[in-house]
Amino acid sequence: MIKILIALDGSELAEQALIHGIAIGSSFESRFILLRVISNDANGVHSAIDAVDWQLHRRQAEAYLERQTEKLKAAGLDASWELEEGDAANRLICFAQQNNIDLIILGALGRSGMGQFARGGTVQKVISTATTSVLIAARFLIRKTRVKWFIGVSWSPSMVPAVRNGR
């Protein structure tokens, strides 16, 4: 069984990772784990958050993950969700290592946007430090035409035999 971690931040662009994850995972015996990392850092600046606001933010994130997980389950897929707190890139990488994840899928641009990529945002950090396969999923509108692209990085040992055998 291939364990696929799909990172979500609540943005529509990040949800493109779900679409690509379903396309890949439905071809293999897969288990999906949806992960969202929440932080009280705003643009890299640590800020104080009221305890009530933090709990509300956390509950909204849990409800979001539950809705997305139910979509996968309704499609007959094995899915669960996890909510972590802290730096998104670090928590994604640690979670993947601790749970023997075979593939991490995340959207190229989420809430942080393209500027964060240039400054070393979550996607850049995950690509450069993950020890498992990483798939970056994106959708861009160019001249009113949708263009989809994928970047697969570092096939993990458990993925290579499955791909070779066409599973």
N, C-alpha and C. Protein backbone atom coordinates (compact mmCIF):
# COMPACT_ATOMS: atom_id res chain seq x y z
N MET A 1 0.85 -1.19 0.00
CA MET A 1 0.00 0.00 0.00
C MET A 1 0.89 1.24 0.00
N ILE A 2 0.52 2.19 -0.83
CA ILE A 2 1.27 3.44 -0.92
C ILE A 2 0.58 4.49 -0.05
N LYS A 3 1.36 5.13 0.81
CA LYS A 3 0.85 6.18 1.67
C LYS A 3 1.12 7.53 1.01
N ILE A 4 0.04 8.26 0.76
CA ILE A 4 0.13 9.55 0.08
C ILE A 4 -0.29 10.64 1.05
N LEU A 5 0.61 11.59 1.28
CA LEU A 5 0.34 12.74 2.13
C LEU A 5 -0.02 13.92 1.23
N ILE A 6 -1.20 14.47 1.43
CA ILE A 6 -1.63 15.64 0.66
C ILE A 6 -1.69 16.83 1.61
N ALA A 7 -0.84 17.81 1.33
CA ALA A 7 -0.77 19.01 2.17
C ALA A 7 -1.80 20.02 1.68
N LEU A 8 -2.59 20.52 2.61
CA LEU A 8 -3.62 21.51 2.29
C LEU A 8 -3.50 22.70 3.22
N ASP A 9 -3.73 23.89 2.68
CA ASP A 9 -3.71 25.08 3.53
C ASP A 9 -5.06 25.83 3.50
N GLY A 10 -6.03 25.22 2.87
CA GLY A 10 -7.35 25.84 2.81
C GLY A 10 -7.58 26.67 1.56
N SER A 11 -6.56 26.87 0.76
CA SER A 11 -6.72 27.67 -0.45
C SER A 11 -7.19 26.81 -1.62
N GLU A 12 -7.84 27.45 -2.57
CA GLU A 12 -8.32 26.74 -3.76
C GLU A 12 -7.14 26.18 -4.57
N LEU A 13 -6.07 26.93 -4.65
CA LEU A 13 -4.91 26.45 -5.39
C LEU A 13 -4.29 25.23 -4.74
N ALA A 14 -4.23 25.20 -3.43
CA ALA A 14 -3.68 24.04 -2.74
C ALA A 14 -4.55 22.80 -2.95
N GLU A 15 -5.84 23.01 -3.16
CA GLU A 15 -6.75 21.88 -3.37
C GLU A 15 -6.50 21.19 -4.71
N GLN A 16 -5.71 21.79 -5.60
CA GLN A 16 -5.33 21.10 -6.83
C GLN A 16 -4.56 19.83 -6.49
N ALA A 17 -3.89 19.82 -5.35
CA ALA A 17 -3.16 18.64 -4.90
C ALA A 17 -4.12 17.46 -4.70
N LEU A 18 -5.34 17.73 -4.25
CA LEU A 18 -6.35 16.67 -4.08
C LEU A 18 -6.67 16.01 -5.41
N ILE A 19 -6.90 16.82 -6.42
CA ILE A 19 -7.26 16.30 -7.74
C ILE A 19 -6.16 15.38 -8.27
N HIS A 20 -4.92 15.85 -8.17
CA HIS A 20 -3.80 15.05 -8.66
C HIS A 20 -3.57 13.82 -7.79
N GLY A 21 -3.79 13.97 -6.51
CA GLY A 21 -3.64 12.83 -5.60
C GLY A 21 -4.63 11.73 -5.90
N ILE A 22 -5.86 12.10 -6.16
CA ILE A 22 -6.89 11.11 -6.50
C ILE A 22 -6.54 10.40 -7.80
N ALA A 23 -6.06 11.16 -8.78
CA ALA A 23 -5.69 10.55 -10.07
C ALA A 23 -4.57 9.53 -9.90
N ILE A 24 -3.60 9.85 -9.09
CA ILE A 24 -2.48 8.93 -8.87
C ILE A 24 -2.90 7.78 -7.95
N GLY A 25 -3.50 8.12 -6.84
CA GLY A 25 -3.85 7.13 -5.83
C GLY A 25 -4.88 6.12 -6.26
N SER A 26 -5.77 6.49 -7.14
CA SER A 26 -6.80 5.54 -7.59
C SER A 26 -6.20 4.47 -8.50
N SER A 27 -4.99 4.71 -8.99
CA SER A 27 -4.31 3.72 -9.83
C SER A 27 -3.55 2.68 -9.01
N PHE A 28 -3.35 2.95 -7.74
CA PHE A 28 -2.60 2.08 -6.85
C PHE A 28 -3.44 1.79 -5.61
N GLU A 29 -3.06 0.78 -4.88
CA GLU A 29 -3.67 0.58 -3.56
C GLU A 29 -3.05 1.64 -2.67
N SER A 30 -3.84 2.64 -2.30
CA SER A 30 -3.30 3.81 -1.61
C SER A 30 -4.06 4.16 -0.36
N ARG A 31 -3.36 4.80 0.53
CA ARG A 31 -3.97 5.39 1.72
C ARG A 31 -3.62 6.87 1.70
N PHE A 32 -4.63 7.72 1.79
CA PHE A 32 -4.46 9.17 1.75
C PHE A 32 -4.49 9.74 3.16
N ILE A 33 -3.56 10.63 3.43
CA ILE A 33 -3.59 11.39 4.68
C ILE A 33 -3.56 12.85 4.29
N LEU A 34 -4.59 13.58 4.67
CA LEU A 34 -4.65 15.01 4.41
C LEU A 34 -4.07 15.71 5.63
N LEU A 35 -3.13 16.61 5.39
CA LEU A 35 -2.47 17.30 6.49
C LEU A 35 -2.56 18.80 6.30
N ARG A 36 -2.95 19.46 7.35
CA ARG A 36 -2.94 20.93 7.36
C ARG A 36 -2.11 21.37 8.56
N VAL A 37 -1.27 22.35 8.33
CA VAL A 37 -0.43 22.90 9.39
C VAL A 37 -0.88 24.32 9.63
N ILE A 38 -1.23 24.61 10.88
CA ILE A 38 -1.63 25.98 11.22
C ILE A 38 -0.54 26.62 12.07
N SER A 39 -0.43 27.93 11.90
CA SER A 39 0.62 28.67 12.59
C SER A 39 0.11 30.06 12.91
N ASN A 40 0.68 30.64 13.94
CA ASN A 40 0.31 32.03 14.24
C ASN A 40 1.33 32.99 13.67
N ASP A 41 2.17 32.50 12.75
CA ASP A 41 3.12 33.38 12.06
C ASP A 41 2.42 34.01 10.87
N ALA A 42 2.49 35.30 10.79
CA ALA A 42 1.92 36.04 9.66
C ALA A 42 3.09 36.59 8.85
N ASN A 43 3.29 36.01 7.66
CA ASN A 43 4.40 36.43 6.80
C ASN A 43 5.75 36.34 7.50
N GLY A 44 5.90 35.27 8.30
CA GLY A 44 7.18 35.05 8.95
C GLY A 44 7.38 35.84 10.23
N VAL A 45 6.39 36.62 10.64
CA VAL A 45 6.50 37.41 11.86
C VAL A 45 5.61 36.79 12.92
N HIS A 46 6.21 36.35 14.01
CA HIS A 46 5.45 35.73 15.09
C HIS A 46 4.54 36.79 15.72
N SER A 47 3.27 36.46 15.85
CA SER A 47 2.33 37.41 16.42
C SER A 47 1.48 36.73 17.47
N ALA A 48 1.05 37.49 18.43
CA ALA A 48 0.21 36.96 19.50
C ALA A 48 -1.22 36.80 18.97
N ILE A 49 -1.83 35.66 19.30
CA ILE A 49 -3.20 35.40 18.90
C ILE A 49 -4.02 35.14 20.15
N ASP A 50 -5.17 35.74 20.21
CA ASP A 50 -6.09 35.52 21.31
C ASP A 50 -6.45 34.04 21.38
N ALA A 51 -6.54 33.48 22.56
CA ALA A 51 -6.83 32.05 22.75
C ALA A 51 -8.15 31.64 22.10
N VAL A 52 -9.15 32.49 22.18
CA VAL A 52 -10.44 32.18 21.57
C VAL A 52 -10.31 32.17 20.04
N ASP A 53 -9.61 33.15 19.50
CA ASP A 53 -9.38 33.20 18.05
C ASP A 53 -8.61 31.97 17.58
N TRP A 54 -7.60 31.58 18.36
CA TRP A 54 -6.79 30.41 18.00
C TRP A 54 -7.66 29.14 17.96
N GLN A 55 -8.51 28.96 18.96
CA GLN A 55 -9.38 27.79 18.99
C GLN A 55 -10.38 27.81 17.85
N LEU A 56 -10.87 28.98 17.50
CA LEU A 56 -11.78 29.11 16.36
C LEU A 56 -11.05 28.75 15.07
N HIS A 57 -9.84 29.27 14.91
CA HIS A 57 -9.02 28.98 13.73
C HIS A 57 -8.76 27.47 13.64
N ARG A 58 -8.43 26.86 14.76
CA ARG A 58 -8.16 25.42 14.80
C ARG A 58 -9.42 24.63 14.44
N ARG A 59 -10.56 25.02 14.97
CA ARG A 59 -11.82 24.31 14.69
C ARG A 59 -12.20 24.44 13.21
N GLN A 60 -11.99 25.62 12.63
CA GLN A 60 -12.26 25.80 11.20
C GLN A 60 -11.36 24.91 10.35
N ALA A 61 -10.11 24.79 10.74
CA ALA A 61 -9.17 23.92 10.01
C ALA A 61 -9.60 22.46 10.11
N GLU A 62 -10.04 22.04 11.29
CA GLU A 62 -10.52 20.66 11.47
C GLU A 62 -11.75 20.38 10.61
N ALA A 63 -12.69 21.33 10.59
CA ALA A 63 -13.90 21.16 9.79
C ALA A 63 -13.56 21.09 8.30
N TYR A 64 -12.64 21.92 7.87
CA TYR A 64 -12.18 21.91 6.47
C TYR A 64 -11.59 20.55 6.12
N LEU A 65 -10.69 20.04 6.96
CA LEU A 65 -10.07 18.74 6.70
C LEU A 65 -11.11 17.62 6.69
N GLU A 66 -12.06 17.70 7.58
CA GLU A 66 -13.12 16.68 7.62
C GLU A 66 -13.92 16.69 6.32
N ARG A 67 -14.26 17.87 5.80
CA ARG A 67 -15.00 17.96 4.54
C ARG A 67 -14.20 17.36 3.38
N GLN A 68 -12.92 17.71 3.32
CA GLN A 68 -12.09 17.20 2.22
C GLN A 68 -11.91 15.67 2.33
N THR A 69 -11.76 15.17 3.53
CA THR A 69 -11.61 13.72 3.75
C THR A 69 -12.88 12.99 3.35
N GLU A 70 -14.02 13.55 3.66
CA GLU A 70 -15.29 12.92 3.30
C GLU A 70 -15.45 12.83 1.78
N LYS A 71 -14.93 13.82 1.05
CA LYS A 71 -14.97 13.75 -0.42
C LYS A 71 -14.20 12.54 -0.92
N LEU A 72 -13.04 12.28 -0.35
CA LEU A 72 -12.24 11.13 -0.75
C LEU A 72 -12.93 9.82 -0.38
N LYS A 73 -13.48 9.77 0.82
CA LYS A 73 -14.17 8.56 1.27
C LYS A 73 -15.41 8.29 0.41
N ALA A 74 -16.10 9.34 0.01
CA ALA A 74 -17.27 9.18 -0.86
C ALA A 74 -16.89 8.59 -2.21
N ALA A 75 -15.64 8.81 -2.62
CA ALA A 75 -15.15 8.25 -3.87
C ALA A 75 -14.59 6.84 -3.66
N GLY A 76 -14.77 6.30 -2.44
CA GLY A 76 -14.33 4.93 -2.15
C GLY A 76 -12.85 4.81 -1.81
N LEU A 77 -12.22 5.91 -1.42
CA LEU A 77 -10.80 5.89 -1.12
C LEU A 77 -10.55 5.86 0.39
N ASP A 78 -9.46 5.25 0.79
CA ASP A 78 -9.05 5.17 2.19
C ASP A 78 -8.40 6.51 2.55
N ALA A 79 -9.02 7.26 3.43
CA ALA A 79 -8.51 8.60 3.74
C ALA A 79 -8.71 8.95 5.20
N SER A 80 -7.78 9.74 5.72
CA SER A 80 -7.86 10.28 7.06
C SER A 80 -7.22 11.67 7.05
N TRP A 81 -7.29 12.38 8.16
CA TRP A 81 -6.71 13.71 8.21
C TRP A 81 -5.96 13.92 9.52
N GLU A 82 -5.03 14.86 9.46
CA GLU A 82 -4.25 15.26 10.64
C GLU A 82 -4.10 16.77 10.62
N LEU A 83 -4.06 17.34 11.80
CA LEU A 83 -3.83 18.78 11.94
C LEU A 83 -2.61 18.97 12.82
N GLU A 84 -1.66 19.74 12.33
CA GLU A 84 -0.42 20.01 13.06
C GLU A 84 -0.30 21.51 13.29
N GLU A 85 0.53 21.88 14.25
CA GLU A 85 0.80 23.28 14.53
C GLU A 85 2.30 23.54 14.39
N GLY A 86 2.64 24.68 13.80
CA GLY A 86 4.05 25.06 13.68
C GLY A 86 4.41 25.51 12.28
N ASP A 87 5.68 25.40 11.96
CA ASP A 87 6.18 25.76 10.64
C ASP A 87 5.73 24.70 9.64
N ALA A 88 5.07 25.13 8.57
CA ALA A 88 4.45 24.19 7.63
C ALA A 88 5.47 23.23 7.02
N ALA A 89 6.56 23.73 6.49
CA ALA A 89 7.54 22.85 5.84
C ALA A 89 8.12 21.85 6.82
N ASN A 90 8.53 22.31 7.99
CA ASN A 90 9.11 21.40 8.98
C ASN A 90 8.13 20.34 9.44
N ARG A 91 6.88 20.73 9.68
CA ARG A 91 5.88 19.76 10.15
C ARG A 91 5.55 18.76 9.05
N LEU A 92 5.48 19.21 7.79
CA LEU A 92 5.21 18.30 6.67
C LEU A 92 6.32 17.25 6.56
N ILE A 93 7.55 17.69 6.61
CA ILE A 93 8.68 16.78 6.45
C ILE A 93 8.76 15.81 7.63
N CYS A 94 8.61 16.31 8.84
CA CYS A 94 8.65 15.44 10.03
C CYS A 94 7.52 14.43 10.00
N PHE A 95 6.32 14.88 9.64
CA PHE A 95 5.17 13.97 9.59
C PHE A 95 5.43 12.87 8.56
N ALA A 96 5.94 13.25 7.41
CA ALA A 96 6.22 12.27 6.35
C ALA A 96 7.23 11.23 6.82
N GLN A 97 8.27 11.67 7.50
CA GLN A 97 9.28 10.74 7.99
C GLN A 97 8.73 9.83 9.08
N GLN A 98 8.00 10.39 10.02
CA GLN A 98 7.47 9.62 11.15
C GLN A 98 6.40 8.61 10.73
N ASN A 99 5.73 8.87 9.62
CA ASN A 99 4.62 8.01 9.18
C ASN A 99 4.93 7.21 7.92
N ASN A 100 6.21 7.16 7.54
CA ASN A 100 6.65 6.38 6.37
C ASN A 100 5.84 6.70 5.12
N ILE A 101 5.70 7.98 4.84
CA ILE A 101 4.95 8.44 3.67
C ILE A 101 5.76 8.17 2.41
N ASP A 102 5.09 7.65 1.37
CA ASP A 102 5.75 7.35 0.10
C ASP A 102 5.75 8.53 -0.87
N LEU A 103 4.73 9.38 -0.77
CA LEU A 103 4.61 10.50 -1.70
C LEU A 103 3.95 11.67 -0.99
N ILE A 104 4.58 12.84 -1.11
CA ILE A 104 4.00 14.09 -0.61
C ILE A 104 3.49 14.85 -1.83
N ILE A 105 2.23 15.28 -1.76
CA ILE A 105 1.67 16.10 -2.83
C ILE A 105 1.24 17.44 -2.23
N LEU A 106 1.69 18.51 -2.85
CA LEU A 106 1.26 19.83 -2.39
C LEU A 106 1.11 20.76 -3.58
N GLY A 107 0.29 21.77 -3.38
CA GLY A 107 0.07 22.75 -4.43
C GLY A 107 1.28 23.65 -4.56
N ALA A 108 1.56 24.08 -5.78
CA ALA A 108 2.72 24.95 -6.02
C ALA A 108 2.56 26.28 -5.31
N LEU A 109 1.35 26.79 -5.31
CA LEU A 109 1.08 28.06 -4.65
C LEU A 109 -0.15 27.92 -3.79
N GLY A 110 -0.01 28.25 -2.54
CA GLY A 110 -1.15 28.23 -1.65
C GLY A 110 -1.41 29.64 -1.16
N ARG A 111 -1.62 29.77 0.12
CA ARG A 111 -1.91 31.08 0.70
C ARG A 111 -0.74 32.04 0.62
N SER A 112 0.49 31.50 0.61
CA SER A 112 1.66 32.39 0.64
C SER A 112 1.98 33.00 -0.73
N GLY A 113 1.54 32.39 -1.82
CA GLY A 113 1.74 32.96 -3.14
C GLY A 113 3.15 32.80 -3.69
N MET A 114 3.38 33.35 -4.87
CA MET A 114 4.65 33.19 -5.57
C MET A 114 5.80 33.88 -4.86
N GLY A 115 5.56 34.97 -4.18
CA GLY A 115 6.63 35.68 -3.48
C GLY A 115 7.30 34.81 -2.43
N GLN A 116 6.53 33.98 -1.74
CA GLN A 116 7.09 33.08 -0.75
C GLN A 116 7.99 32.05 -1.39
N PHE A 117 7.68 31.60 -2.61
CA PHE A 117 8.52 30.61 -3.27
C PHE A 117 9.92 31.19 -3.48
N ALA A 118 9.98 32.41 -3.93
CA ALA A 118 11.27 33.05 -4.18
C ALA A 118 12.06 33.26 -2.88
N ARG A 119 11.35 33.47 -1.78
CA ARG A 119 12.02 33.70 -0.49
C ARG A 119 12.21 32.40 0.29
N GLY A 120 11.91 31.28 -0.32
CA GLY A 120 12.09 30.01 0.39
C GLY A 120 10.85 29.62 1.16
N GLY A 121 9.69 29.67 0.52
CA GLY A 121 8.45 29.30 1.17
C GLY A 121 8.33 27.80 1.37
N THR A 122 7.16 27.36 1.77
CA THR A 122 6.92 25.97 2.12
C THR A 122 7.30 25.01 1.00
N VAL A 123 6.85 25.28 -0.21
CA VAL A 123 7.12 24.37 -1.33
C VAL A 123 8.63 24.23 -1.55
N GLN A 124 9.33 25.33 -1.57
CA GLN A 124 10.78 25.30 -1.79
C GLN A 124 11.48 24.50 -0.69
N LYS A 125 11.08 24.70 0.55
CA LYS A 125 11.70 24.00 1.67
C LYS A 125 11.43 22.49 1.60
N VAL A 126 10.20 22.12 1.26
CA VAL A 126 9.86 20.70 1.16
C VAL A 126 10.65 20.04 0.03
N ILE A 127 10.71 20.69 -1.11
CA ILE A 127 11.46 20.13 -2.25
C ILE A 127 12.91 19.89 -1.87
N SER A 128 13.51 20.84 -1.18
CA SER A 128 14.95 20.75 -0.91
C SER A 128 15.31 19.85 0.26
N THR A 129 14.35 19.51 1.13
CA THR A 129 14.73 18.73 2.32
C THR A 129 13.98 17.41 2.50
N ALA A 130 12.93 17.17 1.75
CA ALA A 130 12.17 15.92 1.93
C ALA A 130 13.02 14.72 1.51
N THR A 131 12.83 13.62 2.21
CA THR A 131 13.57 12.39 1.89
C THR A 131 12.68 11.39 1.16
N THR A 132 11.52 11.81 0.75
CA THR A 132 10.59 10.96 0.02
C THR A 132 10.21 11.66 -1.28
N SER A 133 9.44 11.01 -2.11
CA SER A 133 9.00 11.61 -3.37
C SER A 133 8.08 12.80 -3.10
N VAL A 134 8.20 13.81 -3.95
CA VAL A 134 7.38 15.02 -3.83
C VAL A 134 6.77 15.32 -5.18
N LEU A 135 5.48 15.60 -5.19
CA LEU A 135 4.78 16.01 -6.41
C LEU A 135 4.21 17.39 -6.17
N ILE A 136 4.52 18.31 -7.06
CA ILE A 136 4.00 19.67 -6.98
C ILE A 136 2.89 19.79 -8.00
N ALA A 137 1.70 20.13 -7.55
CA ALA A 137 0.54 20.23 -8.44
C ALA A 137 0.13 21.70 -8.54
N ALA A 138 -0.14 22.14 -9.77
CA ALA A 138 -0.52 23.53 -9.97
C ALA A 138 -1.51 23.66 -11.11
N ARG A 139 -2.25 24.72 -11.08
CA ARG A 139 -3.13 25.08 -12.18
C ARG A 139 -2.97 26.57 -12.39
N PHE A 140 -2.67 26.94 -13.60
CA PHE A 140 -2.51 28.34 -13.93
C PHE A 140 -3.46 28.67 -15.09
N LEU A 141 -3.93 29.88 -15.10
CA LEU A 141 -4.72 30.35 -16.24
C LEU A 141 -3.83 31.22 -17.11
N ILE A 142 -3.60 30.77 -18.33
CA ILE A 142 -2.79 31.52 -19.26
C ILE A 142 -3.64 31.76 -20.51
N ARG A 143 -3.93 33.01 -20.78
CA ARG A 143 -4.77 33.37 -21.91
C ARG A 143 -6.07 32.57 -21.93
N LYS A 144 -6.69 32.49 -20.80
CA LYS A 144 -7.97 31.81 -20.63
C LYS A 144 -7.91 30.32 -20.95
N THR A 145 -6.74 29.74 -20.92
CA THR A 145 -6.57 28.31 -21.15
C THR A 145 -5.93 27.71 -19.92
N ARG A 146 -6.50 26.64 -19.41
CA ARG A 146 -5.92 25.99 -18.25
C ARG A 146 -4.70 25.17 -18.66
N VAL A 147 -3.66 25.34 -17.91
CA VAL A 147 -2.44 24.58 -18.13
C VAL A 147 -2.12 23.87 -16.82
N LYS A 148 -1.97 22.55 -16.88
CA LYS A 148 -1.62 21.79 -15.69
C LYS A 148 -0.21 21.25 -15.87
N TRP A 149 0.56 21.26 -14.78
CA TRP A 149 1.89 20.70 -14.87
C TRP A 149 2.25 20.01 -13.57
N PHE A 150 3.13 19.05 -13.66
CA PHE A 150 3.57 18.28 -12.51
C PHE A 150 5.09 18.29 -12.47
N ILE A 151 5.62 18.26 -11.28
CA ILE A 151 7.05 18.05 -11.12
C ILE A 151 7.20 16.92 -10.12
N GLY A 152 7.71 15.79 -10.55
CA GLY A 152 7.96 14.67 -9.64
C GLY A 152 9.42 14.70 -9.24
N VAL A 153 9.66 14.60 -7.96
CA VAL A 153 11.03 14.66 -7.47
C VAL A 153 11.33 13.42 -6.63
N SER A 154 12.43 12.75 -6.91
CA SER A 154 12.97 11.70 -6.05
C SER A 154 11.99 10.56 -5.79
N TRP A 155 11.85 9.65 -6.71
CA TRP A 155 10.98 8.49 -6.50
C TRP A 155 11.49 7.69 -5.33
N SER A 156 10.64 7.40 -4.37
CA SER A 156 11.06 6.60 -3.23
C SER A 156 11.10 5.14 -3.63
N PRO A 157 11.87 4.30 -2.93
CA PRO A 157 12.00 2.88 -3.29
C PRO A 157 10.67 2.14 -3.37
N SER A 158 9.70 2.49 -2.53
CA SER A 158 8.43 1.78 -2.56
C SER A 158 7.57 2.17 -3.76
N MET A 159 7.81 3.33 -4.36
CA MET A 159 7.04 3.77 -5.51
C MET A 159 7.55 3.17 -6.82
N VAL A 160 8.86 3.00 -6.95
CA VAL A 160 9.45 2.55 -8.21
C VAL A 160 8.90 1.21 -8.66
N PRO A 161 8.85 0.14 -7.80
CA PRO A 161 8.30 -1.14 -8.26
C PRO A 161 6.83 -1.03 -8.69
N ALA A 162 6.05 -0.21 -7.98
CA ALA A 162 4.63 -0.06 -8.32
C ALA A 162 4.47 0.57 -9.69
N VAL A 163 5.30 1.56 -10.00
CA VAL A 163 5.22 2.21 -11.31
C VAL A 163 5.67 1.28 -12.41
N ARG A 164 6.75 0.54 -12.17
CA ARG A 164 7.25 -0.41 -13.17
C ARG A 164 6.23 -1.48 -13.49
N ASN A 165 5.50 -1.93 -12.48
CA ASN A 165 4.51 -2.99 -12.68
C ASN A 165 3.15 -2.46 -13.11
N GLY A 166 3.03 -1.17 -13.25
CA GLY A 166 1.79 -0.56 -13.72
C GLY A 166 0.65 -0.65 -12.73
N ARG A 167 0.96 -0.76 -11.44
CA ARG A 167 -0.09 -0.82 -10.43
C ARG A 167 -0.56 0.55 -10.05
